[in-house]
Amino acid sequence: MARRSHAAIVVAVDRDHLQGPVDHGFENNTLGASKKELLYDLQTLKHPQADRSYFRAQRLADTASCNDVLRLAKRNSGTWLTFKPHYDANERP
């Protein structure tokens, strides 16, 4: 299978924070397969509520380690970085 995808996602909040809705799409083409069970077409559907697909990102220091990321994940519970079911573009860090 060959898959081509596109996404538009970046909205800057400030120098160290990014957020935005994820607008994505896919084009799938089955080129062939040795077993007929592997030949099928995929269909990608977007959630009807577009505000349910979003991202948030925070800049880390160049020296950040995996342990730093894990520590931040625990510390940021209940903050701007915590996942919420619906995207709010007006929410700020």
C-alpha atoms as a PDB file:
ATOM      1  CA  MET A   1       0.000   0.000   0.000  1.00  0.00           C
ATOM      2  CA  ALA A   2       1.106   3.528  -0.659  1.00  0.00           C
ATOM      3  CA  ARG A   3      -0.189   6.283   1.616  1.00  0.00           C
ATOM      4  CA  ARG A   4       0.118   9.995   1.178  1.00  0.00           C
ATOM      5  CA  SER A   5      -0.889  12.233   4.038  1.00  0.00           C
ATOM      6  CA  HIS A   6      -1.105  15.928   4.766  1.00  0.00           C
ATOM      7  CA  ALA A   7      -1.554  17.880   7.971  1.00  0.00           C
ATOM      8  CA  ALA A   8      -1.829  21.513   8.993  1.00  0.00           C
ATOM      9  CA  ILE A   9      -1.333  21.939  12.717  1.00  0.00           C
ATOM     10  CA  VAL A  10       0.772  24.844  13.969  1.00  0.00           C
ATOM     11  CA  VAL A  11      -0.545  27.837  15.879  1.00  0.00           C
ATOM     12  CA  ALA A  12       1.953  29.764  18.004  1.00  0.00           C
ATOM     13  CA  VAL A  13       0.777  30.866  21.448  1.00  0.00           C
ATOM     14  CA  ASP A  14       4.104  32.392  22.451  1.00  0.00           C
ATOM     15  CA  ARG A  15       7.816  31.705  21.971  1.00  0.00           C
ATOM     16  CA  ASP A  16       7.700  28.482  23.993  1.00  0.00           C
ATOM     17  CA  HIS A  17       4.211  27.112  23.331  1.00  0.00           C
ATOM     18  CA  LEU A  18       2.371  25.822  20.261  1.00  0.00           C
ATOM     19  CA  GLN A  19      -1.176  24.562  19.851  1.00  0.00           C
ATOM     20  CA  GLY A  20      -3.734  24.074  17.155  1.00  0.00           C
ATOM     21  CA  PRO A  21      -6.351  21.893  15.588  1.00  0.00           C
ATOM     22  CA  VAL A  22      -5.044  18.944  13.590  1.00  0.00           C
ATOM     23  CA  ASP A  23      -6.460  19.053  10.075  1.00  0.00           C
ATOM     24  CA  HIS A  24      -5.305  15.889   8.364  1.00  0.00           C
ATOM     25  CA  GLY A  25      -6.161  13.709   5.434  1.00  0.00           C
ATOM     26  CA  PHE A  26      -4.937  10.543   3.775  1.00  0.00           C
ATOM     27  CA  GLU A  27      -4.892   9.081   0.302  1.00  0.00           C
ATOM     28  CA  ASN A  28      -4.417   5.289   0.194  1.00  0.00           C
ATOM     29  CA  ASN A  29      -3.609   3.161  -2.834  1.00  0.00           C
ATOM     30  CA  THR A  30      -3.211  -0.614  -2.741  1.00  0.00           C
ATOM     31  CA  LEU A  31      -0.360  -1.547  -5.061  1.00  0.00           C
ATOM     32  CA  GLY A  32      -0.616  -5.320  -4.674  1.00  0.00           C
ATOM     33  CA  ALA A  33      -0.132  -8.180  -2.245  1.00  0.00           C
ATOM     34  CA  SER A  34       0.963 -11.791  -2.248  1.00  0.00           C
ATOM     35  CA  LYS A  35      -2.190 -12.849  -0.361  1.00  0.00           C
ATOM     36  CA  LYS A  36      -5.680 -11.761  -1.339  1.00  0.00           C
ATOM     37  CA  GLU A  37      -6.503 -11.210   2.377  1.00  0.00           C
ATOM     38  CA  LEU A  38      -4.065  -8.301   2.354  1.00  0.00           C
ATOM     39  CA  LEU A  39      -5.795  -6.530  -0.529  1.00  0.00           C
ATOM     40  CA  TYR A  40      -8.335  -4.119   0.886  1.00  0.00           C
ATOM     41  CA  ASP A  41      -9.070  -0.425   0.720  1.00  0.00           C
ATOM     42  CA  LEU A  42      -8.773   1.723   3.814  1.00  0.00           C
ATOM     43  CA  GLN A  43     -11.073   4.593   4.512  1.00  0.00           C
ATOM     44  CA  THR A  44     -10.011   7.389   6.847  1.00  0.00           C
ATOM     45  CA  LEU A  45     -12.765   9.353   8.537  1.00  0.00           C
ATOM     46  CA  LYS A  46     -12.431  12.577  10.462  1.00  0.00           C
ATOM     47  CA  HIS A  47     -14.305  12.967  13.711  1.00  0.00           C
ATOM     48  CA  PRO A  48     -17.453  15.015  13.029  1.00  0.00           C
ATOM     49  CA  GLN A  49     -16.483  17.357  15.886  1.00  0.00           C
ATOM     50  CA  ALA A  50     -13.330  18.971  14.508  1.00  0.00           C
ATOM     51  CA  ASP A  51     -12.369  20.366  17.936  1.00  0.00           C
ATOM     52  CA  ARG A  52     -11.582  16.826  19.163  1.00  0.00           C
ATOM     53  CA  SER A  53      -8.342  16.590  17.154  1.00  0.00           C
ATOM     54  CA  TYR A  54      -5.735  19.020  18.412  1.00  0.00           C
ATOM     55  CA  PHE A  55      -2.242  19.212  19.866  1.00  0.00           C
ATOM     56  CA  ARG A  56      -0.313  21.241  22.392  1.00  0.00           C
ATOM     57  CA  ALA A  57       3.469  21.461  22.657  1.00  0.00           C
ATOM     58  CA  GLN A  58       5.922  23.130  24.997  1.00  0.00           C
ATOM     59  CA  ARG A  59       9.558  23.932  24.234  1.00  0.00           C
ATOM     60  CA  LEU A  60      12.122  22.118  26.362  1.00  0.00           C
ATOM     61  CA  ALA A  61      15.714  23.046  27.057  1.00  0.00           C
ATOM     62  CA  ASP A  62      18.297  21.693  24.602  1.00  0.00           C
ATOM     63  CA  THR A  63      19.695  19.665  27.480  1.00  0.00           C
ATOM     64  CA  ALA A  64      16.355  18.038  28.399  1.00  0.00           C
ATOM     65  CA  SER A  65      16.468  14.307  29.075  1.00  0.00           C
ATOM     66  CA  CYS A  66      13.778  11.621  29.048  1.00  0.00           C
ATOM     67  CA  ASN A  67      13.579  11.967  32.835  1.00  0.00           C
ATOM     68  CA  ASP A  68      12.924  15.697  32.444  1.00  0.00           C
ATOM     69  CA  VAL A  69      10.026  14.952  30.092  1.00  0.00           C
ATOM     70  CA  LEU A  70       8.535  12.415  32.510  1.00  0.00           C
ATOM     71  CA  ARG A  71       8.901  14.867  35.405  1.00  0.00           C
ATOM     72  CA  LEU A  72       7.150  17.602  33.394  1.00  0.00           C
ATOM     73  CA  ALA A  73       4.338  15.223  32.449  1.00  0.00           C
ATOM     74  CA  LYS A  74       3.632  14.550  36.123  1.00  0.00           C
ATOM     75  CA  ARG A  75       3.974  18.193  37.146  1.00  0.00           C
ATOM     76  CA  ASN A  76       1.706  19.486  34.368  1.00  0.00           C
ATOM     77  CA  SER A  77      -1.288  17.389  35.364  1.00  0.00           C
ATOM     78  CA  GLY A  78      -4.271  19.739  35.498  1.00  0.00           C
ATOM     79  CA  THR A  79      -2.544  22.462  33.457  1.00  0.00           C
ATOM     80  CA  TRP A  80      -2.635  23.723  29.869  1.00  0.00           C
ATOM     81  CA  LEU A  81      -0.764  20.615  28.661  1.00  0.00           C
ATOM     82  CA  THR A  82      -3.310  18.190  30.124  1.00  0.00           C
ATOM     83  CA  PHE A  83      -5.504  16.602  27.444  1.00  0.00           C
ATOM     84  CA  LYS A  84      -9.099  17.800  27.347  1.00  0.00           C
ATOM     85  CA  PRO A  85     -11.700  16.272  25.010  1.00  0.00           C
ATOM     86  CA  HIS A  86     -12.391  19.546  23.167  1.00  0.00           C
ATOM     87  CA  TYR A  87      -9.891  22.119  21.889  1.00  0.00           C
ATOM     88  CA  ASP A  88     -10.161  25.674  23.189  1.00  0.00           C
ATOM     89  CA  ALA A  89      -8.001  28.063  21.177  1.00  0.00           C
ATOM     90  CA  ASN A  90      -8.448  30.788  23.799  1.00  0.00           C
ATOM     91  CA  GLU A  91      -6.875  28.773  26.628  1.00  0.00           C
ATOM     92  CA  ARG A  92      -3.339  29.924  27.448  1.00  0.00           C
ATOM     93  CA  PRO A  93      -0.432  28.407  29.409  1.00  0.00           C
END
